[in-house]
Amino acid sequence: MPLSPPAEREKLHERTIVLEGFRRADGLFDIEARLTDTKTYAFANEDRGEVRPGEPLHGMLMRLTIDAEMTVVACEAVTEHGPYAICPAITPNFAALAGLRIGPGWMRAVKERVGGVKGCTHLVELLGPMATVAFQTTVVLRRNRPADPAKPPALLNTCHAYAADGPIVARRWPQFAKPRGEAAAGDAGTDAVLETAGRRTRL
């Protein structure tokens, strides 16, 4: 079902973000992201002269290489397009993410290493959704692991679909289902929730 018809309007800006996950031949995983910002109008830029309609104002790429335990083995960042000539100079700093584990406190640790003047706002923003894509990519490793029937599933009450009093939980995990109206309030907030082996992990 599409959105309702919009009011009369003029498109000014477009941001596209593409996220992909790959399993490598060496057993590691690559999570890649591309962010592109374009305008529908031309405007002057001190470092680039004129930025034309459809020409990227921002064009950033990033690759996280992780192992099966969600630990960052390497991080590579590239700024192909930025508003200032100095923008690409900061990308080598993102190699400092090597050694971090995607899990509790991920974004806090990211900002400690490459936040503020140590990094790039747009590249740092990509690292949140890249972490959730890392989980989605590595779920193949956990799919056949036996679940502990006594432990609530990590996804319980993290969204509408996984409410303890809803039909999905009743079907998949009946031992944790509750009568309608008795679902515990979800505590995921705006954090992304990852399902890892037997635990709930917030970014």
N, C-alpha and C. Protein backbone atom coordinates (compact mmCIF):
# COMPACT_ATOMS: atom_id res chain seq x y z
N MET A 1 0.85 -1.19 0.00
CA MET A 1 0.00 0.00 0.00
C MET A 1 0.88 1.24 0.00
N PRO A 2 0.68 2.15 -0.94
CA PRO A 2 1.49 3.37 -0.99
C PRO A 2 1.03 4.39 0.05
N LEU A 3 1.83 5.46 0.21
CA LEU A 3 1.40 6.58 1.04
C LEU A 3 0.20 7.26 0.38
N SER A 4 -0.50 8.04 1.18
CA SER A 4 -1.62 8.81 0.63
C SER A 4 -1.08 9.84 -0.36
N PRO A 5 -1.92 10.30 -1.30
CA PRO A 5 -1.46 11.29 -2.27
C PRO A 5 -0.96 12.54 -1.57
N PRO A 6 0.20 13.08 -1.97
CA PRO A 6 0.75 14.26 -1.31
C PRO A 6 0.08 15.54 -1.77
N ALA A 7 0.32 16.58 -1.00
CA ALA A 7 -0.10 17.92 -1.42
C ALA A 7 0.78 18.36 -2.59
N GLU A 8 0.35 19.38 -3.30
CA GLU A 8 1.18 19.93 -4.38
C GLU A 8 2.51 20.37 -3.79
N ARG A 9 3.61 19.99 -4.44
CA ARG A 9 4.91 20.25 -3.83
C ARG A 9 6.01 20.23 -4.87
N GLU A 10 7.21 20.63 -4.46
CA GLU A 10 8.38 20.66 -5.32
C GLU A 10 9.50 19.89 -4.63
N LYS A 11 10.06 18.93 -5.30
CA LYS A 11 11.16 18.17 -4.73
C LYS A 11 12.43 19.01 -4.71
N LEU A 12 13.11 19.04 -3.57
CA LEU A 12 14.33 19.82 -3.41
C LEU A 12 15.56 18.97 -3.13
N HIS A 13 15.38 17.87 -2.42
CA HIS A 13 16.53 17.12 -1.92
C HIS A 13 16.26 15.62 -1.99
N GLU A 14 17.29 14.86 -2.25
CA GLU A 14 17.17 13.40 -2.21
C GLU A 14 18.41 12.81 -1.55
N ARG A 15 18.19 11.96 -0.57
CA ARG A 15 19.27 11.19 0.05
C ARG A 15 18.99 9.72 -0.20
N THR A 16 19.97 9.02 -0.74
CA THR A 16 19.84 7.58 -0.90
C THR A 16 20.93 6.90 -0.08
N ILE A 17 20.54 5.85 0.61
CA ILE A 17 21.47 5.04 1.39
C ILE A 17 21.27 3.60 0.96
N VAL A 18 22.34 2.98 0.52
CA VAL A 18 22.31 1.58 0.12
C VAL A 18 23.20 0.80 1.07
N LEU A 19 22.65 -0.27 1.65
CA LEU A 19 23.39 -1.10 2.60
C LEU A 19 23.37 -2.54 2.10
N GLU A 20 24.52 -3.17 2.12
CA GLU A 20 24.63 -4.55 1.65
C GLU A 20 25.51 -5.36 2.58
N GLY A 21 25.21 -6.66 2.70
CA GLY A 21 26.02 -7.56 3.51
C GLY A 21 26.51 -8.73 2.68
N PHE A 22 27.78 -9.08 2.86
CA PHE A 22 28.40 -10.14 2.06
C PHE A 22 29.13 -11.12 2.98
N ARG A 23 29.08 -12.41 2.62
CA ARG A 23 29.93 -13.40 3.26
C ARG A 23 31.14 -13.63 2.37
N ARG A 24 32.32 -13.48 2.92
CA ARG A 24 33.55 -13.59 2.16
C ARG A 24 34.04 -15.03 2.10
N ALA A 25 34.90 -15.31 1.14
CA ALA A 25 35.45 -16.65 0.97
C ALA A 25 36.34 -17.04 2.15
N ASP A 26 36.89 -16.03 2.86
CA ASP A 26 37.77 -16.35 3.99
C ASP A 26 37.02 -16.50 5.31
N GLY A 27 35.66 -16.46 5.26
CA GLY A 27 34.87 -16.66 6.47
C GLY A 27 34.48 -15.38 7.18
N LEU A 28 35.03 -14.26 6.77
CA LEU A 28 34.63 -12.97 7.35
C LEU A 28 33.42 -12.43 6.59
N PHE A 29 32.92 -11.29 7.06
CA PHE A 29 31.75 -10.66 6.45
C PHE A 29 32.07 -9.20 6.16
N ASP A 30 31.62 -8.73 5.01
CA ASP A 30 31.73 -7.31 4.65
C ASP A 30 30.35 -6.67 4.71
N ILE A 31 30.26 -5.56 5.40
CA ILE A 31 29.05 -4.74 5.42
C ILE A 31 29.41 -3.43 4.72
N GLU A 32 28.71 -3.13 3.63
CA GLU A 32 29.05 -1.95 2.85
C GLU A 32 27.87 -0.98 2.81
N ALA A 33 28.21 0.30 2.79
CA ALA A 33 27.20 1.35 2.75
C ALA A 33 27.62 2.44 1.77
N ARG A 34 26.63 3.02 1.12
CA ARG A 34 26.84 4.18 0.24
C ARG A 34 25.77 5.21 0.55
N LEU A 35 26.18 6.44 0.80
CA LEU A 35 25.26 7.55 1.05
C LEU A 35 25.47 8.59 -0.03
N THR A 36 24.36 9.05 -0.64
CA THR A 36 24.42 10.08 -1.68
C THR A 36 23.35 11.13 -1.43
N ASP A 37 23.74 12.39 -1.41
CA ASP A 37 22.82 13.52 -1.31
C ASP A 37 22.87 14.32 -2.60
N THR A 38 21.70 14.62 -3.16
CA THR A 38 21.62 15.48 -4.34
C THR A 38 20.52 16.51 -4.15
N LYS A 39 20.64 17.62 -4.89
CA LYS A 39 19.62 18.67 -4.93
C LYS A 39 19.02 18.73 -6.33
N THR A 40 17.85 19.32 -6.40
CA THR A 40 17.20 19.45 -7.71
C THR A 40 17.52 20.80 -8.35
N TYR A 41 18.35 21.60 -7.72
CA TYR A 41 18.67 22.93 -8.22
C TYR A 41 20.18 23.15 -8.12
N ALA A 42 20.69 24.05 -8.88
CA ALA A 42 22.11 24.41 -8.83
C ALA A 42 22.34 25.42 -7.71
N PHE A 43 23.51 25.34 -7.11
CA PHE A 43 23.86 26.34 -6.09
C PHE A 43 25.37 26.50 -6.04
N ALA A 44 25.79 27.67 -5.57
CA ALA A 44 27.21 27.99 -5.51
C ALA A 44 27.85 27.30 -4.31
N ASN A 45 29.11 26.88 -4.49
CA ASN A 45 29.88 26.26 -3.41
C ASN A 45 31.28 26.83 -3.46
N GLU A 46 31.80 27.26 -2.31
CA GLU A 46 33.09 27.94 -2.27
C GLU A 46 34.22 27.07 -2.80
N ASP A 47 34.19 25.77 -2.50
CA ASP A 47 35.29 24.89 -2.88
C ASP A 47 35.08 24.23 -4.24
N ARG A 48 33.83 24.08 -4.65
CA ARG A 48 33.55 23.32 -5.88
C ARG A 48 33.00 24.19 -7.01
N GLY A 49 32.82 25.45 -6.73
CA GLY A 49 32.24 26.33 -7.75
C GLY A 49 30.74 26.20 -7.75
N GLU A 50 30.18 25.49 -8.69
CA GLU A 50 28.74 25.28 -8.74
C GLU A 50 28.45 23.79 -8.62
N VAL A 51 27.50 23.47 -7.75
CA VAL A 51 27.00 22.10 -7.65
C VAL A 51 25.72 22.05 -8.46
N ARG A 52 25.69 21.21 -9.47
CA ARG A 52 24.57 21.17 -10.40
C ARG A 52 23.46 20.25 -9.93
N PRO A 53 22.26 20.41 -10.46
CA PRO A 53 21.16 19.51 -10.09
C PRO A 53 21.54 18.05 -10.37
N GLY A 54 21.32 17.19 -9.38
CA GLY A 54 21.63 15.79 -9.53
C GLY A 54 23.07 15.41 -9.26
N GLU A 55 23.95 16.40 -9.14
CA GLU A 55 25.35 16.13 -8.82
C GLU A 55 25.48 15.91 -7.32
N PRO A 56 26.15 14.85 -6.88
CA PRO A 56 26.22 14.59 -5.43
C PRO A 56 26.89 15.72 -4.66
N LEU A 57 26.20 16.20 -3.65
CA LEU A 57 26.82 17.09 -2.67
C LEU A 57 27.63 16.25 -1.69
N HIS A 58 27.02 15.17 -1.24
CA HIS A 58 27.70 14.18 -0.41
C HIS A 58 27.70 12.86 -1.15
N GLY A 59 28.82 12.20 -1.15
CA GLY A 59 28.93 10.85 -1.70
C GLY A 59 29.95 10.09 -0.88
N MET A 60 29.47 9.27 0.06
CA MET A 60 30.34 8.57 0.99
C MET A 60 30.15 7.06 0.89
N LEU A 61 31.24 6.34 1.05
CA LEU A 61 31.19 4.89 1.07
C LEU A 61 31.92 4.37 2.30
N MET A 62 31.47 3.23 2.81
CA MET A 62 32.14 2.62 3.95
C MET A 62 32.03 1.11 3.87
N ARG A 63 33.09 0.45 4.31
CA ARG A 63 33.07 -1.01 4.41
C ARG A 63 33.55 -1.41 5.81
N LEU A 64 32.70 -2.14 6.51
CA LEU A 64 33.09 -2.79 7.76
C LEU A 64 33.35 -4.26 7.46
N THR A 65 34.50 -4.75 7.84
CA THR A 65 34.77 -6.18 7.77
C THR A 65 34.70 -6.72 9.19
N ILE A 66 33.84 -7.71 9.40
CA ILE A 66 33.60 -8.25 10.75
C ILE A 66 33.78 -9.76 10.73
N ASP A 67 34.01 -10.31 11.94
CA ASP A 67 34.09 -11.75 12.06
C ASP A 67 32.77 -12.31 12.57
N ALA A 68 32.72 -13.59 12.83
CA ALA A 68 31.48 -14.24 13.24
C ALA A 68 31.01 -13.77 14.61
N GLU A 69 31.89 -13.20 15.40
CA GLU A 69 31.53 -12.67 16.72
C GLU A 69 31.16 -11.20 16.67
N MET A 70 31.01 -10.65 15.49
CA MET A 70 30.61 -9.26 15.28
C MET A 70 31.70 -8.26 15.68
N THR A 71 32.93 -8.71 15.68
CA THR A 71 34.04 -7.82 15.98
C THR A 71 34.57 -7.23 14.67
N VAL A 72 34.82 -5.93 14.68
CA VAL A 72 35.31 -5.25 13.48
C VAL A 72 36.78 -5.61 13.26
N VAL A 73 37.05 -6.21 12.11
CA VAL A 73 38.41 -6.56 11.73
C VAL A 73 39.07 -5.38 11.02
N ALA A 74 38.28 -4.67 10.21
CA ALA A 74 38.81 -3.52 9.48
C ALA A 74 37.66 -2.61 9.09
N CYS A 75 37.96 -1.34 8.93
CA CYS A 75 36.98 -0.37 8.46
C CYS A 75 37.66 0.54 7.44
N GLU A 76 37.02 0.69 6.30
CA GLU A 76 37.52 1.56 5.25
C GLU A 76 36.42 2.56 4.88
N ALA A 77 36.78 3.83 4.80
CA ALA A 77 35.82 4.87 4.43
C ALA A 77 36.39 5.71 3.29
N VAL A 78 35.50 6.16 2.42
CA VAL A 78 35.90 6.98 1.28
C VAL A 78 34.87 8.11 1.12
N THR A 79 35.34 9.32 0.92
CA THR A 79 34.46 10.43 0.56
C THR A 79 34.76 10.80 -0.89
N GLU A 80 33.85 10.43 -1.77
CA GLU A 80 34.00 10.77 -3.18
C GLU A 80 33.54 12.20 -3.47
N HIS A 81 32.50 12.63 -2.75
CA HIS A 81 31.96 13.97 -2.91
C HIS A 81 31.68 14.56 -1.54
N GLY A 82 32.12 15.77 -1.32
CA GLY A 82 31.84 16.48 -0.07
C GLY A 82 31.71 17.96 -0.36
N PRO A 83 31.14 18.72 0.56
CA PRO A 83 30.97 20.16 0.31
C PRO A 83 32.27 20.94 0.39
N TYR A 84 33.31 20.34 1.01
CA TYR A 84 34.58 21.04 1.18
C TYR A 84 35.72 20.14 0.72
N ALA A 85 36.76 20.75 0.21
CA ALA A 85 37.92 20.00 -0.28
C ALA A 85 38.59 19.21 0.84
N ILE A 86 38.43 19.67 2.07
CA ILE A 86 39.08 19.04 3.21
C ILE A 86 38.36 17.76 3.66
N CYS A 87 37.13 17.55 3.23
CA CYS A 87 36.32 16.44 3.75
C CYS A 87 37.00 15.07 3.64
N PRO A 88 37.59 14.71 2.50
CA PRO A 88 38.16 13.36 2.39
C PRO A 88 39.34 13.10 3.33
N ALA A 89 39.94 14.15 3.87
CA ALA A 89 41.15 13.97 4.67
C ALA A 89 40.90 13.19 5.96
N ILE A 90 39.66 13.15 6.43
CA ILE A 90 39.38 12.51 7.72
C ILE A 90 39.09 11.02 7.59
N THR A 91 38.87 10.54 6.37
CA THR A 91 38.42 9.15 6.22
C THR A 91 39.39 8.11 6.79
N PRO A 92 40.71 8.31 6.77
CA PRO A 92 41.60 7.29 7.35
C PRO A 92 41.34 7.05 8.84
N ASN A 93 40.76 8.04 9.54
CA ASN A 93 40.50 7.86 10.97
C ASN A 93 39.55 6.70 11.26
N PHE A 94 38.71 6.36 10.29
CA PHE A 94 37.72 5.31 10.54
C PHE A 94 38.35 3.92 10.68
N ALA A 95 39.61 3.79 10.31
CA ALA A 95 40.32 2.53 10.57
C ALA A 95 40.42 2.26 12.06
N ALA A 96 40.25 3.30 12.88
CA ALA A 96 40.33 3.16 14.34
C ALA A 96 39.19 2.33 14.92
N LEU A 97 38.17 2.02 14.10
CA LEU A 97 37.06 1.20 14.59
C LEU A 97 37.43 -0.27 14.69
N ALA A 98 38.55 -0.68 14.11
CA ALA A 98 38.99 -2.07 14.21
C ALA A 98 39.14 -2.45 15.67
N GLY A 99 38.62 -3.61 16.02
CA GLY A 99 38.67 -4.09 17.39
C GLY A 99 37.39 -3.90 18.17
N LEU A 100 36.52 -2.97 17.73
CA LEU A 100 35.24 -2.78 18.41
C LEU A 100 34.31 -3.93 18.07
N ARG A 101 33.43 -4.26 19.01
CA ARG A 101 32.44 -5.30 18.76
C ARG A 101 31.07 -4.67 18.62
N ILE A 102 30.34 -5.07 17.60
CA ILE A 102 28.98 -4.59 17.41
C ILE A 102 28.11 -5.23 18.48
N GLY A 103 27.61 -4.42 19.38
CA GLY A 103 26.85 -4.91 20.52
C GLY A 103 26.56 -3.77 21.47
N PRO A 104 26.45 -4.04 22.75
CA PRO A 104 26.14 -2.99 23.72
C PRO A 104 27.12 -1.84 23.63
N GLY A 105 26.59 -0.62 23.54
CA GLY A 105 27.44 0.57 23.51
C GLY A 105 28.16 0.82 22.20
N TRP A 106 27.69 0.18 21.12
CA TRP A 106 28.35 0.32 19.83
C TRP A 106 28.48 1.78 19.40
N MET A 107 27.38 2.50 19.33
CA MET A 107 27.45 3.88 18.84
C MET A 107 28.20 4.78 19.81
N ARG A 108 28.12 4.50 21.09
CA ARG A 108 28.91 5.28 22.05
C ARG A 108 30.40 5.09 21.79
N ALA A 109 30.81 3.85 21.57
CA ALA A 109 32.23 3.58 21.29
C ALA A 109 32.65 4.18 19.95
N VAL A 110 31.76 4.12 18.96
CA VAL A 110 32.05 4.72 17.66
C VAL A 110 32.33 6.21 17.82
N LYS A 111 31.47 6.90 18.57
CA LYS A 111 31.62 8.35 18.72
C LYS A 111 32.85 8.71 19.54
N GLU A 112 33.26 7.82 20.44
CA GLU A 112 34.49 8.08 21.18
C GLU A 112 35.71 8.07 20.25
N ARG A 113 35.65 7.22 19.23
CA ARG A 113 36.81 7.08 18.34
C ARG A 113 36.76 8.00 17.13
N VAL A 114 35.57 8.22 16.57
CA VAL A 114 35.49 9.01 15.33
C VAL A 114 34.38 10.06 15.38
N GLY A 115 33.92 10.40 16.56
CA GLY A 115 32.88 11.42 16.68
C GLY A 115 33.45 12.82 16.61
N GLY A 116 32.57 13.79 16.40
CA GLY A 116 32.98 15.19 16.38
C GLY A 116 34.05 15.47 15.35
N VAL A 117 35.08 16.22 15.76
CA VAL A 117 36.13 16.62 14.83
C VAL A 117 37.04 15.47 14.42
N LYS A 118 36.88 14.30 15.06
CA LYS A 118 37.70 13.14 14.69
C LYS A 118 37.11 12.37 13.51
N GLY A 119 35.93 12.79 13.04
CA GLY A 119 35.30 12.03 11.98
C GLY A 119 34.44 12.89 11.08
N CYS A 120 33.47 12.26 10.45
CA CYS A 120 32.54 12.91 9.52
C CYS A 120 31.13 12.55 9.96
N THR A 121 30.27 13.56 10.09
CA THR A 121 28.91 13.34 10.57
C THR A 121 28.18 12.27 9.76
N HIS A 122 28.28 12.35 8.45
CA HIS A 122 27.51 11.44 7.60
C HIS A 122 28.04 10.02 7.67
N LEU A 123 29.34 9.86 7.72
CA LEU A 123 29.91 8.52 7.85
C LEU A 123 29.57 7.91 9.21
N VAL A 124 29.62 8.71 10.25
CA VAL A 124 29.25 8.20 11.58
C VAL A 124 27.79 7.78 11.60
N GLU A 125 26.92 8.55 10.97
CA GLU A 125 25.50 8.21 10.93
C GLU A 125 25.27 6.85 10.27
N LEU A 126 26.09 6.50 9.30
CA LEU A 126 25.93 5.23 8.61
C LEU A 126 26.20 4.04 9.51
N LEU A 127 26.98 4.23 10.56
CA LEU A 127 27.42 3.10 11.37
C LEU A 127 26.32 2.50 12.24
N GLY A 128 25.23 3.25 12.47
CA GLY A 128 24.08 2.67 13.16
C GLY A 128 23.38 1.64 12.30
N PRO A 129 22.86 2.04 11.12
CA PRO A 129 22.21 1.05 10.26
C PRO A 129 23.16 -0.03 9.76
N MET A 130 24.44 0.27 9.63
CA MET A 130 25.37 -0.78 9.22
C MET A 130 25.44 -1.89 10.27
N ALA A 131 25.31 -1.51 11.53
CA ALA A 131 25.34 -2.52 12.59
C ALA A 131 24.13 -3.45 12.52
N THR A 132 22.95 -2.88 12.24
CA THR A 132 21.78 -3.75 12.13
C THR A 132 21.87 -4.63 10.89
N VAL A 133 22.46 -4.11 9.81
CA VAL A 133 22.67 -4.94 8.63
C VAL A 133 23.70 -6.03 8.92
N ALA A 134 24.67 -5.73 9.76
CA ALA A 134 25.63 -6.76 10.17
C ALA A 134 24.91 -7.91 10.86
N PHE A 135 23.96 -7.59 11.72
CA PHE A 135 23.17 -8.64 12.36
C PHE A 135 22.38 -9.44 11.33
N GLN A 136 21.71 -8.73 10.43
CA GLN A 136 20.91 -9.41 9.43
C GLN A 136 21.77 -10.30 8.52
N THR A 137 22.99 -9.86 8.28
CA THR A 137 23.89 -10.63 7.41
C THR A 137 24.39 -11.89 8.10
N THR A 138 24.70 -11.78 9.39
CA THR A 138 25.28 -12.92 10.11
C THR A 138 24.23 -13.82 10.74
N VAL A 139 22.95 -13.51 10.55
CA VAL A 139 21.91 -14.36 11.12
C VAL A 139 22.01 -15.78 10.57
N VAL A 140 22.61 -15.93 9.40
CA VAL A 140 22.78 -17.26 8.82
C VAL A 140 23.60 -18.16 9.75
N LEU A 141 24.47 -17.58 10.56
CA LEU A 141 25.28 -18.36 11.49
C LEU A 141 24.47 -18.87 12.68
N ARG A 142 23.39 -18.15 13.02
CA ARG A 142 22.61 -18.48 14.21
C ARG A 142 21.34 -19.25 13.90
N ARG A 143 21.00 -19.33 12.62
CA ARG A 143 19.70 -19.88 12.24
C ARG A 143 19.52 -21.32 12.71
N ASN A 144 20.57 -22.11 12.68
CA ASN A 144 20.44 -23.52 13.02
C ASN A 144 20.90 -23.85 14.43
N ARG A 145 21.24 -22.81 15.21
CA ARG A 145 21.61 -23.07 16.60
C ARG A 145 20.37 -23.37 17.42
N PRO A 146 20.39 -24.40 18.26
CA PRO A 146 19.21 -24.71 19.06
C PRO A 146 18.93 -23.60 20.07
N ALA A 147 17.68 -23.22 20.18
CA ALA A 147 17.28 -22.17 21.13
C ALA A 147 17.07 -22.79 22.51
N ASP A 148 17.31 -22.01 23.53
CA ASP A 148 17.05 -22.44 24.91
C ASP A 148 15.56 -22.23 25.17
N PRO A 149 14.78 -23.29 25.33
CA PRO A 149 13.33 -23.12 25.50
C PRO A 149 12.93 -22.39 26.78
N ALA A 150 13.86 -22.28 27.73
CA ALA A 150 13.54 -21.60 28.99
C ALA A 150 13.88 -20.12 28.95
N LYS A 151 14.54 -19.67 27.90
CA LYS A 151 14.98 -18.27 27.82
C LYS A 151 14.11 -17.51 26.84
N PRO A 152 13.55 -16.36 27.24
CA PRO A 152 12.72 -15.58 26.31
C PRO A 152 13.52 -15.20 25.07
N PRO A 153 12.89 -15.21 23.92
CA PRO A 153 13.60 -14.82 22.70
C PRO A 153 14.01 -13.35 22.77
N ALA A 154 15.13 -13.05 22.16
CA ALA A 154 15.66 -11.69 22.22
C ALA A 154 14.73 -10.67 21.60
N LEU A 155 13.89 -11.09 20.67
CA LEU A 155 13.01 -10.17 19.97
C LEU A 155 11.71 -9.88 20.72
N LEU A 156 11.46 -10.56 21.81
CA LEU A 156 10.19 -10.41 22.53
C LEU A 156 9.98 -8.96 22.97
N ASN A 157 8.82 -8.40 22.59
CA ASN A 157 8.41 -7.05 22.96
C ASN A 157 9.31 -5.94 22.41
N THR A 158 10.05 -6.23 21.35
CA THR A 158 10.88 -5.18 20.76
C THR A 158 10.14 -4.37 19.70
N CYS A 159 8.97 -4.85 19.25
CA CYS A 159 8.17 -4.09 18.30
C CYS A 159 6.75 -4.65 18.31
N HIS A 160 5.86 -4.02 17.56
CA HIS A 160 4.46 -4.42 17.49
C HIS A 160 4.31 -5.89 17.10
N ALA A 161 5.08 -6.33 16.11
CA ALA A 161 4.93 -7.70 15.62
C ALA A 161 5.31 -8.73 16.67
N TYR A 162 6.28 -8.38 17.54
CA TYR A 162 6.76 -9.34 18.53
C TYR A 162 6.21 -9.09 19.92
N ALA A 163 5.06 -8.41 20.00
CA ALA A 163 4.41 -8.20 21.30
C ALA A 163 4.05 -9.55 21.90
N ALA A 164 4.27 -9.69 23.21
CA ALA A 164 4.02 -10.97 23.88
C ALA A 164 2.56 -11.39 23.80
N ASP A 165 1.65 -10.44 23.60
CA ASP A 165 0.22 -10.79 23.52
C ASP A 165 -0.27 -10.83 22.07
N GLY A 166 0.67 -10.90 21.12
CA GLY A 166 0.29 -10.90 19.71
C GLY A 166 0.33 -12.28 19.08
N PRO A 167 -0.16 -12.37 17.85
CA PRO A 167 -0.26 -13.68 17.18
C PRO A 167 1.08 -14.29 16.78
N ILE A 168 2.11 -13.45 16.53
CA ILE A 168 3.40 -14.01 16.11
C ILE A 168 4.04 -14.76 17.26
N VAL A 169 4.05 -14.14 18.44
CA VAL A 169 4.63 -14.81 19.62
C VAL A 169 3.83 -16.05 19.97
N ALA A 170 2.49 -15.96 19.88
CA ALA A 170 1.65 -17.12 20.19
C ALA A 170 1.99 -18.30 19.28
N ARG A 171 2.35 -18.00 18.03
CA ARG A 171 2.66 -19.05 17.08
C ARG A 171 4.08 -19.57 17.21
N ARG A 172 5.05 -18.65 17.39
CA ARG A 172 6.45 -19.06 17.40
C ARG A 172 6.97 -19.47 18.76
N TRP A 173 6.51 -18.76 19.80
CA TRP A 173 7.00 -19.02 21.16
C TRP A 173 5.82 -19.06 22.13
N PRO A 174 4.95 -20.04 22.00
CA PRO A 174 3.73 -20.07 22.83
C PRO A 174 4.01 -20.07 24.32
N GLN A 175 5.16 -20.59 24.74
CA GLN A 175 5.46 -20.61 26.17
C GLN A 175 5.68 -19.22 26.75
N PHE A 176 5.90 -18.22 25.88
CA PHE A 176 6.10 -16.85 26.35
C PHE A 176 4.93 -15.94 25.98
N ALA A 177 3.90 -16.50 25.39
CA ALA A 177 2.73 -15.70 25.01
C ALA A 177 1.93 -15.30 26.23
N LYS A 178 1.32 -14.11 26.16
CA LYS A 178 0.49 -13.60 27.25
C LYS A 178 -0.90 -13.27 26.71
N PRO A 179 -1.89 -13.25 27.60
CA PRO A 179 -3.24 -12.86 27.16
C PRO A 179 -3.24 -11.44 26.60
N ARG A 180 -4.18 -11.19 25.73
CA ARG A 180 -4.26 -9.89 25.09
C ARG A 180 -4.30 -8.77 26.12
N GLY A 181 -3.46 -7.76 25.91
CA GLY A 181 -3.43 -6.62 26.81
C GLY A 181 -2.42 -6.74 27.93
N GLU A 182 -1.72 -7.86 28.02
CA GLU A 182 -0.77 -8.05 29.11
C GLU A 182 0.68 -8.05 28.64
N ALA A 183 0.91 -7.63 27.42
CA ALA A 183 2.30 -7.59 26.93
C ALA A 183 3.09 -6.58 27.72
N ALA A 184 4.34 -6.93 28.02
CA ALA A 184 5.21 -5.99 28.72
C ALA A 184 5.54 -4.84 27.79
N ALA A 185 5.70 -3.65 28.34
CA ALA A 185 6.08 -2.50 27.51
C ALA A 185 7.45 -2.73 26.94
N GLY A 186 7.59 -2.55 25.63
CA GLY A 186 8.90 -2.74 25.00
C GLY A 186 9.88 -1.71 25.52
N ASP A 187 11.14 -2.10 25.67
CA ASP A 187 12.14 -1.18 26.19
C ASP A 187 13.23 -0.88 25.18
N ALA A 188 12.93 -1.14 23.90
CA ALA A 188 13.96 -0.92 22.89
C ALA A 188 14.15 0.56 22.58
N GLY A 189 13.11 1.36 22.78
CA GLY A 189 13.22 2.79 22.49
C GLY A 189 13.65 3.02 21.06
N THR A 190 14.54 3.99 20.87
CA THR A 190 15.02 4.27 19.52
C THR A 190 16.29 3.50 19.21
N ASP A 191 16.76 2.68 20.15
CA ASP A 191 17.95 1.88 19.90
C ASP A 191 17.61 0.72 18.98
N ALA A 192 18.57 0.34 18.16
CA ALA A 192 18.40 -0.86 17.37
C ALA A 192 18.64 -2.06 18.28
N VAL A 193 17.86 -3.12 18.11
CA VAL A 193 18.00 -4.30 18.94
C VAL A 193 18.49 -5.45 18.07
N LEU A 194 19.58 -6.05 18.48
CA LEU A 194 20.15 -7.17 17.75
C LEU A 194 19.87 -8.45 18.50
N GLU A 195 19.57 -9.49 17.77
CA GLU A 195 19.46 -10.82 18.36
C GLU A 195 20.78 -11.51 18.17
N THR A 196 21.50 -11.75 19.26
CA THR A 196 22.75 -12.50 19.20
C THR A 196 22.51 -13.81 19.93
N ALA A 197 23.54 -14.59 20.01
CA ALA A 197 23.36 -15.94 20.58
C ALA A 197 22.92 -15.85 22.03
N GLY A 198 21.61 -15.98 22.23
CA GLY A 198 21.08 -16.07 23.58
C GLY A 198 21.04 -14.80 24.37
N ARG A 199 21.13 -13.62 23.73
CA ARG A 199 21.10 -12.39 24.50
C ARG A 199 20.51 -11.27 23.67
N ARG A 200 20.07 -10.20 24.34
CA ARG A 200 19.60 -9.01 23.66
C ARG A 200 20.71 -7.98 23.68
N THR A 201 20.95 -7.38 22.54
CA THR A 201 22.05 -6.44 22.42
C THR A 201 21.55 -5.15 21.83
N ARG A 202 21.83 -4.03 22.50
CA ARG A 202 21.43 -2.72 21.98
C ARG A 202 22.63 -2.03 21.36
N LEU A 203 22.35 -1.24 20.31
CA LEU A 203 23.41 -0.45 19.69
C LEU A 203 23.49 0.90 20.38
